[in-house]
Amino acid sequence: MPQKLFFTSNPAISKWGHYTLDQALTFVAKNGTVIVCIVSQPYLPFLNNWLISISMQNRQDMVLVIAEDYPSLYKVNELWPGHAVLIPPVLDVEAAHKFGSQGFFNFTARRPSHLLKILELGYSVMYNDVDMVWLADPFPYLQGDHDVYFTDDMTAIKPLNHSHDLPPPGKKGRPYICSCMIFLRPTDGAKVILKKWLEELQIEPWSRTKKSNDQPAFNWALMKNAKEADLYLLPQSAFPTGGLYFKNKTWVKETKGKHVIIHNNYIVGFEKKIKRFRDYGLCILIQNMLSAKLFILACLRIVSKDVSTVAVNTQGWGRKMSIVFNFVMKKDG
């Protein structure tokens, strides 16, 4: 495996079909820890935005993209060799676009299985959905040696010194923890939670009358097995749900400077999510970078003979400044 990023005019991408999770983790992990997302082709613009925000915290080298289709696998590894892996079987990606669909359920239901494989290989893992943006480095907030760290998906405002215990059940008899930002250590307790999460998905599968996703099952697993794992609720001020951050301007103002990762949830649809990111100054995509030729390049700090400079406006991040990314533009032909 290469020890640094590189580009070739005619990359041999077929080898990536045989690239294993074990190989990928060996290459990407730093100090036994990896940052993981799961992506299919339609989500590549969000992947780009997320990666740029991570690169601004100098954590991009720890990222492993789990691709759910071959075009995503090949595209990421063509431009960023070794940072994407596909774990068979391949799903019907076209069916996984719409929130609430069976395809979406099948897509998200693979999450605990992927994460469990990483733990069983001996690595700690931070999982993020790609409709997130990092405003600061989250790793200093992973205090202690707990098994599982997570965030609350409720919009009710908590005191700044709120408890880090699993919140009590809500109206549906379970907590409302978000399954989109999780940190796990390779401990027996964390593995128990993931195994129970998989069991809960079998108990409550998707149906036309109950269009579920993987999050309720995650909450049942946490609640039913809280005594078997050391759980830790991350601070709301640093990891707010989108339903709070985007809909409560007073709270945002009062907690200014404390926000670490922003999740663009409580809204459905690609275009709506992108618009909201733009409206709040969190869409750090550059329009002409949405083409496949320029995919992912802005977040990579690479020295090359062919360098172009792009200024990224981050006005909505609480300060007016320009971040200049030097990135390699892959030549035609």
C-alpha atoms as a PDB file:
ATOM      1  CA  MET A   1       0.000   0.000   0.000  1.00  0.00           C
ATOM      2  CA  PRO A   2       1.153   3.565  -0.664  1.00  0.00           C
ATOM      3  CA  GLN A   3       2.288   5.573   2.326  1.00  0.00           C
ATOM      4  CA  LYS A   4       1.118   8.923   0.902  1.00  0.00           C
ATOM      5  CA  LEU A   5      -1.516  10.205  -1.483  1.00  0.00           C
ATOM      6  CA  PHE A   6      -0.675  10.098  -5.166  1.00  0.00           C
ATOM      7  CA  PHE A   7      -2.262  10.431  -8.603  1.00  0.00           C
ATOM      8  CA  THR A   8      -1.770   8.565 -11.868  1.00  0.00           C
ATOM      9  CA  SER A   9      -3.034   9.450 -15.317  1.00  0.00           C
ATOM     10  CA  ASN A  10      -4.516   5.982 -15.873  1.00  0.00           C
ATOM     11  CA  PRO A  11      -5.069   4.447 -12.445  1.00  0.00           C
ATOM     12  CA  ALA A  12      -5.549   0.705 -12.210  1.00  0.00           C
ATOM     13  CA  ILE A  13      -8.697   0.764 -10.128  1.00  0.00           C
ATOM     14  CA  SER A  14      -9.725  -2.854 -10.563  1.00  0.00           C
ATOM     15  CA  LYS A  15      -7.506  -3.894  -7.644  1.00  0.00           C
ATOM     16  CA  TRP A  16      -9.765  -2.004  -5.238  1.00  0.00           C
ATOM     17  CA  GLY A  17     -12.457  -4.624  -5.734  1.00  0.00           C
ATOM     18  CA  HIS A  18     -10.184  -7.026  -3.815  1.00  0.00           C
ATOM     19  CA  TYR A  19      -9.145  -4.499  -1.145  1.00  0.00           C
ATOM     20  CA  THR A  20     -10.183  -5.827   2.258  1.00  0.00           C
ATOM     21  CA  LEU A  21     -11.365  -4.061   5.386  1.00  0.00           C
ATOM     22  CA  ASP A  22      -8.349  -5.397   7.290  1.00  0.00           C
ATOM     23  CA  GLN A  23      -5.980  -3.922   4.684  1.00  0.00           C
ATOM     24  CA  ALA A  24      -7.826  -0.603   4.687  1.00  0.00           C
ATOM     25  CA  LEU A  25      -7.746  -0.278   8.479  1.00  0.00           C
ATOM     26  CA  THR A  26      -4.042  -1.104   8.588  1.00  0.00           C
ATOM     27  CA  PHE A  27      -3.387   1.685   6.101  1.00  0.00           C
ATOM     28  CA  VAL A  28      -5.736   4.369   7.438  1.00  0.00           C
ATOM     29  CA  ALA A  29      -5.949   3.977  11.242  1.00  0.00           C
ATOM     30  CA  LYS A  30      -3.871   6.254  13.449  1.00  0.00           C
ATOM     31  CA  ASN A  31      -3.049   5.081  16.979  1.00  0.00           C
ATOM     32  CA  GLY A  32      -5.595   2.286  16.585  1.00  0.00           C
ATOM     33  CA  THR A  33      -8.452   4.647  15.671  1.00  0.00           C
ATOM     34  CA  VAL A  34     -10.318   5.300  12.439  1.00  0.00           C
ATOM     35  CA  ILE A  35     -13.016   7.762  11.351  1.00  0.00           C
ATOM     36  CA  VAL A  36     -15.646   6.036   9.214  1.00  0.00           C
ATOM     37  CA  CYS A  37     -18.537   7.036   7.005  1.00  0.00           C
ATOM     38  CA  ILE A  38     -20.735   4.935   4.730  1.00  0.00           C
ATOM     39  CA  VAL A  39     -21.444   6.355   1.282  1.00  0.00           C
ATOM     40  CA  SER A  40     -23.239   5.554  -1.954  1.00  0.00           C
ATOM     41  CA  GLN A  41     -22.806   7.529  -5.163  1.00  0.00           C
ATOM     42  CA  PRO A  42     -25.632  10.064  -4.669  1.00  0.00           C
ATOM     43  CA  TYR A  43     -24.103  11.171  -1.354  1.00  0.00           C
ATOM     44  CA  LEU A  44     -20.676  12.049  -2.789  1.00  0.00           C
ATOM     45  CA  PRO A  45     -21.288  15.838  -2.610  1.00  0.00           C
ATOM     46  CA  PHE A  46     -22.019  15.512   1.113  1.00  0.00           C
ATOM     47  CA  LEU A  47     -18.903  13.354   1.506  1.00  0.00           C
ATOM     48  CA  ASN A  48     -16.842  16.130  -0.058  1.00  0.00           C
ATOM     49  CA  ASN A  49     -18.282  18.776   2.275  1.00  0.00           C
ATOM     50  CA  TRP A  50     -17.744  16.570   5.347  1.00  0.00           C
ATOM     51  CA  LEU A  51     -14.167  15.742   4.366  1.00  0.00           C
ATOM     52  CA  ILE A  52     -13.221  19.368   3.849  1.00  0.00           C
ATOM     53  CA  SER A  53     -14.453  20.186   7.350  1.00  0.00           C
ATOM     54  CA  ILE A  54     -12.442  17.266   8.781  1.00  0.00           C
ATOM     55  CA  SER A  55      -9.312  18.350   6.916  1.00  0.00           C
ATOM     56  CA  MET A  56      -9.585  21.732   8.625  1.00  0.00           C
ATOM     57  CA  GLN A  57      -9.049  19.825  11.902  1.00  0.00           C
ATOM     58  CA  ASN A  58      -6.125  17.850  10.398  1.00  0.00           C
ATOM     59  CA  ARG A  59      -7.913  14.518  10.852  1.00  0.00           C
ATOM     60  CA  GLN A  60      -8.463  13.580   7.188  1.00  0.00           C
ATOM     61  CA  ASP A  61      -5.731  10.926   7.155  1.00  0.00           C
ATOM     62  CA  MET A  62      -7.790   8.856   9.634  1.00  0.00           C
ATOM     63  CA  VAL A  63     -10.847   8.675   7.367  1.00  0.00           C
ATOM     64  CA  LEU A  64     -12.030   5.441   5.816  1.00  0.00           C
ATOM     65  CA  VAL A  65     -14.949   5.629   3.400  1.00  0.00           C
ATOM     66  CA  ILE A  66     -17.045   2.467   3.312  1.00  0.00           C
ATOM     67  CA  ALA A  67     -18.453   2.536  -0.208  1.00  0.00           C
ATOM     68  CA  GLU A  68     -21.768   0.820  -0.849  1.00  0.00           C
ATOM     69  CA  ASP A  69     -21.284   0.733  -4.630  1.00  0.00           C
ATOM     70  CA  TYR A  70     -18.373   0.232  -7.006  1.00  0.00           C
ATOM     71  CA  PRO A  71     -18.482   3.715  -8.619  1.00  0.00           C
ATOM     72  CA  SER A  72     -17.954   5.303  -5.179  1.00  0.00           C
ATOM     73  CA  LEU A  73     -15.221   2.803  -4.303  1.00  0.00           C
ATOM     74  CA  TYR A  74     -13.332   3.444  -7.524  1.00  0.00           C
ATOM     75  CA  LYS A  75     -13.793   7.213  -7.530  1.00  0.00           C
ATOM     76  CA  VAL A  76     -12.519   7.737  -3.992  1.00  0.00           C
ATOM     77  CA  ASN A  77      -9.569   5.368  -4.421  1.00  0.00           C
ATOM     78  CA  GLU A  78      -8.709   6.795  -7.835  1.00  0.00           C
ATOM     79  CA  LEU A  79      -8.249  10.222  -6.280  1.00  0.00           C
ATOM     80  CA  TRP A  80      -7.354   9.179  -2.720  1.00  0.00           C
ATOM     81  CA  PRO A  81      -5.825   5.692  -2.872  1.00  0.00           C
ATOM     82  CA  GLY A  82      -6.490   3.374   0.020  1.00  0.00           C
ATOM     83  CA  HIS A  83      -9.167   5.463   1.736  1.00  0.00           C
ATOM     84  CA  ALA A  84     -12.228   3.562   0.499  1.00  0.00           C
ATOM     85  CA  VAL A  85     -13.289  -0.052   0.860  1.00  0.00           C
ATOM     86  CA  LEU A  86     -16.366  -2.017  -0.163  1.00  0.00           C
ATOM     87  CA  ILE A  87     -17.779  -4.671   2.163  1.00  0.00           C
ATOM     88  CA  PRO A  88     -19.898  -7.167   0.141  1.00  0.00           C
ATOM     89  CA  PRO A  89     -22.633  -7.712  -0.760  1.00  0.00           C
ATOM     90  CA  VAL A  90     -23.383  -4.675  -2.913  1.00  0.00           C
ATOM     91  CA  LEU A  91     -26.832  -3.194  -2.398  1.00  0.00           C
ATOM     92  CA  ASP A  92     -29.238  -1.716  -4.931  1.00  0.00           C
ATOM     93  CA  VAL A  93     -28.006   1.843  -4.505  1.00  0.00           C
ATOM     94  CA  GLU A  94     -30.840   3.406  -6.478  1.00  0.00           C
ATOM     95  CA  ALA A  95     -33.303   2.064  -3.908  1.00  0.00           C
ATOM     96  CA  ALA A  96     -31.411   3.585  -0.967  1.00  0.00           C
ATOM     97  CA  HIS A  97     -31.980   7.268  -1.732  1.00  0.00           C
ATOM     98  CA  LYS A  98     -35.342   8.002  -0.157  1.00  0.00           C
ATOM     99  CA  PHE A  99     -35.625   8.296   3.616  1.00  0.00           C
ATOM    100  CA  GLY A 100     -38.216   5.820   4.905  1.00  0.00           C
ATOM    101  CA  SER A 101     -37.918   3.436   1.969  1.00  0.00           C
ATOM    102  CA  GLN A 102     -36.978  -0.201   2.283  1.00  0.00           C
ATOM    103  CA  GLY A 103     -33.814   0.545   0.332  1.00  0.00           C
ATOM    104  CA  PHE A 104     -32.859   3.217   2.861  1.00  0.00           C
ATOM    105  CA  PHE A 105     -33.524   0.785   5.706  1.00  0.00           C
ATOM    106  CA  ASN A 106     -31.359  -1.870   4.061  1.00  0.00           C
ATOM    107  CA  PHE A 107     -28.603   0.717   3.573  1.00  0.00           C
ATOM    108  CA  THR A 108     -28.577   1.981   7.167  1.00  0.00           C
ATOM    109  CA  ALA A 109     -29.147  -1.474   8.676  1.00  0.00           C
ATOM    110  CA  ARG A 110     -25.649  -2.487   7.541  1.00  0.00           C
ATOM    111  CA  ARG A 111     -24.099   0.141   9.813  1.00  0.00           C
ATOM    112  CA  PRO A 112     -23.836  -1.953  13.018  1.00  0.00           C
ATOM    113  CA  SER A 113     -22.439  -4.891  11.050  1.00  0.00           C
ATOM    114  CA  HIS A 114     -19.708  -2.722   9.499  1.00  0.00           C
ATOM    115  CA  LEU A 115     -18.834  -1.166  12.852  1.00  0.00           C
ATOM    116  CA  LEU A 116     -18.741  -4.540  14.599  1.00  0.00           C
ATOM    117  CA  LYS A 117     -16.278  -5.864  12.011  1.00  0.00           C
ATOM    118  CA  ILE A 118     -13.991  -2.903  12.763  1.00  0.00           C
ATOM    119  CA  LEU A 119     -14.145  -3.511  16.513  1.00  0.00           C
ATOM    120  CA  GLU A 120     -13.460  -7.207  16.058  1.00  0.00           C
ATOM    121  CA  LEU A 121     -10.304  -6.279  14.149  1.00  0.00           C
ATOM    122  CA  GLY A 122      -9.177  -4.354  17.225  1.00  0.00           C
ATOM    123  CA  TYR A 123      -9.775  -0.728  16.242  1.00  0.00           C
ATOM    124  CA  SER A 124     -11.648   2.130  17.857  1.00  0.00           C
ATOM    125  CA  VAL A 125     -14.016   3.849  15.441  1.00  0.00           C
ATOM    126  CA  MET A 126     -15.767   7.167  15.145  1.00  0.00           C
ATOM    127  CA  TYR A 127     -18.772   6.899  12.843  1.00  0.00           C
ATOM    128  CA  ASN A 128     -20.337   9.953  11.156  1.00  0.00           C
ATOM    129  CA  ASP A 129     -23.114  10.402   8.643  1.00  0.00           C
ATOM    130  CA  VAL A 130     -21.822  12.572   5.814  1.00  0.00           C
ATOM    131  CA  ASP A 131     -24.525  15.238   6.244  1.00  0.00           C
ATOM    132  CA  MET A 132     -22.396  16.572   9.102  1.00  0.00           C
ATOM    133  CA  VAL A 133     -19.852  19.366   9.364  1.00  0.00           C
ATOM    134  CA  TRP A 134     -16.986  19.574  11.833  1.00  0.00           C
ATOM    135  CA  LEU A 135     -16.462  23.004  13.368  1.00  0.00           C
ATOM    136  CA  ALA A 136     -13.841  21.737  15.843  1.00  0.00           C
ATOM    137  CA  ASP A 137     -11.978  18.542  16.695  1.00  0.00           C
ATOM    138  CA  PRO A 138     -14.353  16.133  18.510  1.00  0.00           C
ATOM    139  CA  PHE A 139     -11.677  13.849  19.941  1.00  0.00           C
ATOM    140  CA  PRO A 140     -10.925  15.971  23.034  1.00  0.00           C
ATOM    141  CA  TYR A 141     -14.580  15.430  24.029  1.00  0.00           C
ATOM    142  CA  LEU A 142     -14.157  11.652  24.231  1.00  0.00           C
ATOM    143  CA  GLN A 143     -13.309  11.820  27.892  1.00  0.00           C
ATOM    144  CA  GLY A 144     -12.587   8.717  29.947  1.00  0.00           C
ATOM    145  CA  ASP A 145     -12.461   5.130  28.708  1.00  0.00           C
ATOM    146  CA  HIS A 146     -16.136   4.484  28.054  1.00  0.00           C
ATOM    147  CA  ASP A 147     -17.298   1.805  25.614  1.00  0.00           C
ATOM    148  CA  VAL A 148     -19.826   3.794  23.572  1.00  0.00           C
ATOM    149  CA  TYR A 149     -20.187   7.564  23.068  1.00  0.00           C
ATOM    150  CA  PHE A 150     -23.284   9.061  21.406  1.00  0.00           C
ATOM    151  CA  THR A 151     -25.437  12.176  21.026  1.00  0.00           C
ATOM    152  CA  ASP A 152     -29.053  12.969  21.916  1.00  0.00           C
ATOM    153  CA  ASP A 153     -31.439  13.539  19.014  1.00  0.00           C
ATOM    154  CA  MET A 154     -33.959  15.464  21.113  1.00  0.00           C
ATOM    155  CA  THR A 155     -34.414  19.206  20.674  1.00  0.00           C
ATOM    156  CA  ALA A 156     -35.227  19.943  24.336  1.00  0.00           C
ATOM    157  CA  ILE A 157     -32.490  22.172  25.756  1.00  0.00           C
ATOM    158  CA  LYS A 158     -30.255  20.595  28.376  1.00  0.00           C
ATOM    159  CA  PRO A 159     -28.206  22.481  30.985  1.00  0.00           C
ATOM    160  CA  LEU A 160     -24.546  22.889  30.046  1.00  0.00           C
ATOM    161  CA  ASN A 161     -23.589  20.544  32.885  1.00  0.00           C
ATOM    162  CA  HIS A 162     -26.133  17.873  31.983  1.00  0.00           C
ATOM    163  CA  SER A 163     -25.692  14.232  32.896  1.00  0.00           C
ATOM    164  CA  HIS A 164     -23.679  12.009  30.570  1.00  0.00           C
ATOM    165  CA  ASP A 165     -25.840   8.990  31.376  1.00  0.00           C
ATOM    166  CA  LEU A 166     -28.208   7.438  28.841  1.00  0.00           C
ATOM    167  CA  PRO A 167     -31.343   9.654  28.871  1.00  0.00           C
ATOM    168  CA  PRO A 168     -34.590   8.145  30.150  1.00  0.00           C
ATOM    169  CA  PRO A 169     -37.138   6.656  27.716  1.00  0.00           C
ATOM    170  CA  GLY A 170     -39.432   8.975  25.802  1.00  0.00           C
ATOM    171  CA  LYS A 171     -43.036   8.547  24.688  1.00  0.00           C
ATOM    172  CA  LYS A 172     -42.187   5.515  22.571  1.00  0.00           C
ATOM    173  CA  GLY A 173     -40.671   3.685  25.519  1.00  0.00           C
ATOM    174  CA  ARG A 174     -37.069   4.194  24.474  1.00  0.00           C
ATOM    175  CA  PRO A 175     -34.523   7.032  24.384  1.00  0.00           C
ATOM    176  CA  TYR A 176     -33.967   9.182  21.296  1.00  0.00           C
ATOM    177  CA  ILE A 177     -30.239   8.771  20.755  1.00  0.00           C
ATOM    178  CA  CYS A 178     -28.890   9.564  17.293  1.00  0.00           C
ATOM    179  CA  SER A 179     -27.272   6.662  15.450  1.00  0.00           C
ATOM    180  CA  CYS A 180     -25.444   9.034  13.096  1.00  0.00           C
ATOM    181  CA  MET A 181     -22.525  10.056  15.319  1.00  0.00           C
ATOM    182  CA  ILE A 182     -21.047   7.286  17.465  1.00  0.00           C
ATOM    183  CA  PHE A 183     -17.624   6.531  18.911  1.00  0.00           C
ATOM    184  CA  LEU A 184     -16.837   2.963  19.972  1.00  0.00           C
ATOM    185  CA  ARG A 185     -13.845   1.309  21.575  1.00  0.00           C
ATOM    186  CA  PRO A 186     -13.020  -2.353  20.780  1.00  0.00           C
ATOM    187  CA  THR A 187     -14.355  -3.559  24.141  1.00  0.00           C
ATOM    188  CA  ASP A 188     -16.734  -6.353  25.061  1.00  0.00           C
ATOM    189  CA  GLY A 189     -19.317  -3.765  26.120  1.00  0.00           C
ATOM    190  CA  ALA A 190     -19.295  -1.961  22.763  1.00  0.00           C
ATOM    191  CA  LYS A 191     -19.505  -5.273  20.894  1.00  0.00           C
ATOM    192  CA  VAL A 192     -22.524  -6.285  22.979  1.00  0.00           C
ATOM    193  CA  ILE A 193     -24.334  -3.087  21.989  1.00  0.00           C
ATOM    194  CA  LEU A 194     -23.635  -3.635  18.292  1.00  0.00           C
ATOM    195  CA  LYS A 195     -24.708  -7.277  18.414  1.00  0.00           C
ATOM    196  CA  LYS A 196     -27.917  -6.354  20.227  1.00  0.00           C
ATOM    197  CA  TRP A 197     -28.488  -3.564  17.676  1.00  0.00           C
ATOM    198  CA  LEU A 198     -28.367  -6.177  14.919  1.00  0.00           C
ATOM    199  CA  GLU A 199     -30.789  -8.380  16.850  1.00  0.00           C
ATOM    200  CA  GLU A 200     -33.219  -5.489  17.309  1.00  0.00           C
ATOM    201  CA  LEU A 201     -33.158  -4.849  13.565  1.00  0.00           C
ATOM    202  CA  GLN A 202     -34.284  -8.430  13.040  1.00  0.00           C
ATOM    203  CA  ILE A 203     -37.069  -8.011  15.600  1.00  0.00           C
ATOM    204  CA  GLU A 204     -38.352  -4.801  14.006  1.00  0.00           C
ATOM    205  CA  PRO A 205     -37.662  -4.940  10.243  1.00  0.00           C
ATOM    206  CA  TRP A 206     -38.921  -2.488   7.648  1.00  0.00           C
ATOM    207  CA  SER A 207     -42.509  -2.897   6.438  1.00  0.00           C
ATOM    208  CA  ARG A 208     -44.879  -0.818   4.316  1.00  0.00           C
ATOM    209  CA  THR A 209     -46.948   0.001   7.374  1.00  0.00           C
ATOM    210  CA  LYS A 210     -43.954   0.703   9.638  1.00  0.00           C
ATOM    211  CA  LYS A 211     -41.287   2.422   7.592  1.00  0.00           C
ATOM    212  CA  SER A 212     -38.519   2.152  10.132  1.00  0.00           C
ATOM    213  CA  ASN A 213     -34.803   2.891  10.025  1.00  0.00           C
ATOM    214  CA  ASP A 214     -31.897   1.670  12.128  1.00  0.00           C
ATOM    215  CA  GLN A 215     -32.114   4.324  14.863  1.00  0.00           C
ATOM    216  CA  PRO A 216     -34.979   2.870  16.953  1.00  0.00           C
ATOM    217  CA  ALA A 217     -33.170  -0.472  17.065  1.00  0.00           C
ATOM    218  CA  PHE A 218     -30.011   1.287  18.268  1.00  0.00           C
ATOM    219  CA  ASN A 219     -31.970   2.922  21.077  1.00  0.00           C
ATOM    220  CA  TRP A 220     -33.587  -0.345  22.151  1.00  0.00           C
ATOM    221  CA  ALA A 221     -30.141  -1.956  22.200  1.00  0.00           C
ATOM    222  CA  LEU A 222     -28.745   0.832  24.383  1.00  0.00           C
ATOM    223  CA  MET A 223     -31.656   0.815  26.810  1.00  0.00           C
ATOM    224  CA  LYS A 224     -31.958  -2.968  27.194  1.00  0.00           C
ATOM    225  CA  ASN A 225     -28.220  -3.494  27.622  1.00  0.00           C
ATOM    226  CA  ALA A 226     -27.139  -0.350  29.478  1.00  0.00           C
ATOM    227  CA  LYS A 227     -25.784  -2.427  32.369  1.00  0.00           C
ATOM    228  CA  GLU A 228     -23.551  -4.454  30.057  1.00  0.00           C
ATOM    229  CA  ALA A 229     -21.680  -1.492  28.577  1.00  0.00           C
ATOM    230  CA  ASP A 230     -20.151   1.766  29.794  1.00  0.00           C
ATOM    231  CA  LEU A 231     -22.188   4.426  27.964  1.00  0.00           C
ATOM    232  CA  TYR A 232     -21.455   8.149  27.635  1.00  0.00           C
ATOM    233  CA  LEU A 233     -23.746  10.911  26.363  1.00  0.00           C
ATOM    234  CA  LEU A 234     -21.715  13.653  24.668  1.00  0.00           C
ATOM    235  CA  PRO A 235     -22.471  17.309  25.574  1.00  0.00           C
ATOM    236  CA  GLN A 236     -25.436  18.786  23.727  1.00  0.00           C
ATOM    237  CA  SER A 237     -23.741  22.174  23.365  1.00  0.00           C
ATOM    238  CA  ALA A 238     -20.956  20.573  21.327  1.00  0.00           C
ATOM    239  CA  PHE A 239     -22.991  17.978  19.421  1.00  0.00           C
ATOM    240  CA  PRO A 240     -26.488  19.420  18.891  1.00  0.00           C
ATOM    241  CA  THR A 241     -29.149  17.760  16.801  1.00  0.00           C
ATOM    242  CA  GLY A 242     -30.141  19.629  13.670  1.00  0.00           C
ATOM    243  CA  GLY A 243     -33.590  20.168  15.111  1.00  0.00           C
ATOM    244  CA  LEU A 244     -32.000  22.362  17.773  1.00  0.00           C
ATOM    245  CA  TYR A 245     -29.114  24.005  15.925  1.00  0.00           C
ATOM    246  CA  PHE A 246     -31.074  25.060  12.846  1.00  0.00           C
ATOM    247  CA  LYS A 247     -34.308  25.971  14.591  1.00  0.00           C
ATOM    248  CA  ASN A 248     -33.336  27.747  17.809  1.00  0.00           C
ATOM    249  CA  LYS A 249     -31.331  30.902  17.084  1.00  0.00           C
ATOM    250  CA  THR A 250     -31.373  31.945  20.737  1.00  0.00           C
ATOM    251  CA  TRP A 251     -29.744  28.694  21.860  1.00  0.00           C
ATOM    252  CA  VAL A 252     -27.157  28.917  19.071  1.00  0.00           C
ATOM    253  CA  LYS A 253     -26.239  32.430  20.166  1.00  0.00           C
ATOM    254  CA  GLU A 254     -26.027  31.448  23.840  1.00  0.00           C
ATOM    255  CA  THR A 255     -23.759  28.477  23.071  1.00  0.00           C
ATOM    256  CA  LYS A 256     -21.616  30.234  20.469  1.00  0.00           C
ATOM    257  CA  GLY A 257     -18.087  28.879  20.386  1.00  0.00           C
ATOM    258  CA  LYS A 258     -19.050  25.528  21.901  1.00  0.00           C
ATOM    259  CA  HIS A 259     -20.312  23.763  18.747  1.00  0.00           C
ATOM    260  CA  VAL A 260     -18.165  20.897  17.463  1.00  0.00           C
ATOM    261  CA  ILE A 261     -20.156  18.781  14.969  1.00  0.00           C
ATOM    262  CA  ILE A 262     -23.357  19.978  13.308  1.00  0.00           C
ATOM    263  CA  HIS A 263     -25.776  17.382  11.946  1.00  0.00           C
ATOM    264  CA  ASN A 264     -28.019  18.441   9.077  1.00  0.00           C
ATOM    265  CA  ASN A 265     -30.953  16.269  10.166  1.00  0.00           C
ATOM    266  CA  TYR A 266     -34.598  17.037  10.956  1.00  0.00           C
ATOM    267  CA  ILE A 267     -34.970  17.711   7.237  1.00  0.00           C
ATOM    268  CA  VAL A 268     -35.459  15.330   4.299  1.00  0.00           C
ATOM    269  CA  GLY A 269     -34.077  15.651   0.771  1.00  0.00           C
ATOM    270  CA  PHE A 270     -30.676  16.280  -0.821  1.00  0.00           C
ATOM    271  CA  GLU A 271     -31.502  19.712  -2.202  1.00  0.00           C
ATOM    272  CA  LYS A 272     -33.115  20.858   1.047  1.00  0.00           C
ATOM    273  CA  LYS A 273     -30.095  19.747   3.048  1.00  0.00           C
ATOM    274  CA  ILE A 274     -27.664  21.466   0.687  1.00  0.00           C
ATOM    275  CA  LYS A 275     -29.747  24.664   0.746  1.00  0.00           C
ATOM    276  CA  ARG A 276     -29.794  24.683   4.541  1.00  0.00           C
ATOM    277  CA  PHE A 277     -26.038  24.169   4.685  1.00  0.00           C
ATOM    278  CA  ARG A 278     -25.638  27.105   2.314  1.00  0.00           C
ATOM    279  CA  ASP A 279     -28.069  29.279   4.249  1.00  0.00           C
ATOM    280  CA  TYR A 280     -26.069  28.721   7.442  1.00  0.00           C
ATOM    281  CA  GLY A 281     -22.632  29.058   5.866  1.00  0.00           C
ATOM    282  CA  LEU A 282     -21.856  25.371   6.328  1.00  0.00           C
ATOM    283  CA  CYS A 283     -21.777  24.336   2.676  1.00  0.00           C
ATOM    284  CA  ILE A 284     -18.069  24.515   1.954  1.00  0.00           C
ATOM    285  CA  LEU A 285     -18.431  22.785  -1.370  1.00  0.00           C
ATOM    286  CA  ILE A 286     -17.234  24.791  -4.330  1.00  0.00           C
ATOM    287  CA  GLN A 287     -19.706  24.597  -7.185  1.00  0.00           C
ATOM    288  CA  ASN A 288     -17.285  23.580  -9.915  1.00  0.00           C
ATOM    289  CA  MET A 289     -15.922  20.863  -7.648  1.00  0.00           C
ATOM    290  CA  LEU A 290     -19.106  18.847  -7.885  1.00  0.00           C
ATOM    291  CA  SER A 291     -17.908  17.254 -11.122  1.00  0.00           C
ATOM    292  CA  ALA A 292     -16.331  13.831 -10.888  1.00  0.00           C
ATOM    293  CA  LYS A 293     -13.001  15.255 -12.095  1.00  0.00           C
ATOM    294  CA  LEU A 294     -12.647  17.447  -9.023  1.00  0.00           C
ATOM    295  CA  PHE A 295     -14.362  15.249  -6.469  1.00  0.00           C
ATOM    296  CA  ILE A 296     -12.744  15.185  -3.021  1.00  0.00           C
ATOM    297  CA  LEU A 297      -9.656  17.174  -4.038  1.00  0.00           C
ATOM    298  CA  ALA A 298     -10.212  20.321  -2.012  1.00  0.00           C
ATOM    299  CA  CYS A 299      -9.705  18.558   1.283  1.00  0.00           C
ATOM    300  CA  LEU A 300      -6.388  17.027   0.321  1.00  0.00           C
ATOM    301  CA  ARG A 301      -3.184  18.958   0.940  1.00  0.00           C
ATOM    302  CA  ILE A 302      -1.026  17.632  -1.836  1.00  0.00           C
ATOM    303  CA  VAL A 303       2.065  19.025  -3.518  1.00  0.00           C
ATOM    304  CA  SER A 304       2.026  18.698  -7.302  1.00  0.00           C
ATOM    305  CA  LYS A 305       3.184  20.472 -10.454  1.00  0.00           C
ATOM    306  CA  ASP A 306      -0.421  21.155 -11.442  1.00  0.00           C
ATOM    307  CA  VAL A 307      -1.876  23.233  -8.638  1.00  0.00           C
ATOM    308  CA  SER A 308      -4.954  25.429  -8.664  1.00  0.00           C
ATOM    309  CA  THR A 309      -6.035  27.683  -5.831  1.00  0.00           C
ATOM    310  CA  VAL A 310      -9.611  28.023  -4.641  1.00  0.00           C
ATOM    311  CA  ALA A 311     -10.858  30.286  -1.860  1.00  0.00           C
ATOM    312  CA  VAL A 312     -13.563  28.879   0.377  1.00  0.00           C
ATOM    313  CA  ASN A 313     -15.849  31.362   2.105  1.00  0.00           C
ATOM    314  CA  THR A 314     -16.695  30.241   5.638  1.00  0.00           C
ATOM    315  CA  GLN A 315     -18.548  33.353   6.759  1.00  0.00           C
ATOM    316  CA  GLY A 316     -21.239  31.419   8.600  1.00  0.00           C
ATOM    317  CA  TRP A 317     -18.720  29.773  10.930  1.00  0.00           C
ATOM    318  CA  GLY A 318     -18.817  32.714  13.301  1.00  0.00           C
ATOM    319  CA  ARG A 319     -15.993  34.608  11.636  1.00  0.00           C
ATOM    320  CA  LYS A 320     -15.279  36.113   8.228  1.00  0.00           C
ATOM    321  CA  MET A 321     -12.289  34.518   6.647  1.00  0.00           C
ATOM    322  CA  SER A 322     -11.096  32.759   3.537  1.00  0.00           C
ATOM    323  CA  ILE A 323      -9.560  29.318   3.653  1.00  0.00           C
ATOM    324  CA  VAL A 324      -7.326  28.703   0.666  1.00  0.00           C
ATOM    325  CA  PHE A 325      -7.038  25.120  -0.455  1.00  0.00           C
ATOM    326  CA  ASN A 326      -4.294  24.088  -2.853  1.00  0.00           C
ATOM    327  CA  PHE A 327      -5.436  21.072  -4.724  1.00  0.00           C
ATOM    328  CA  VAL A 328      -4.362  19.002  -7.666  1.00  0.00           C
ATOM    329  CA  MET A 329      -6.582  19.110 -10.737  1.00  0.00           C
ATOM    330  CA  LYS A 330      -6.549  15.794 -12.520  1.00  0.00           C
ATOM    331  CA  LYS A 331      -5.807  16.301 -16.204  1.00  0.00           C
ATOM    332  CA  ASP A 332      -8.152  15.200 -18.961  1.00  0.00           C
ATOM    333  CA  GLY A 333      -6.937  12.134 -20.818  1.00  0.00           C
END
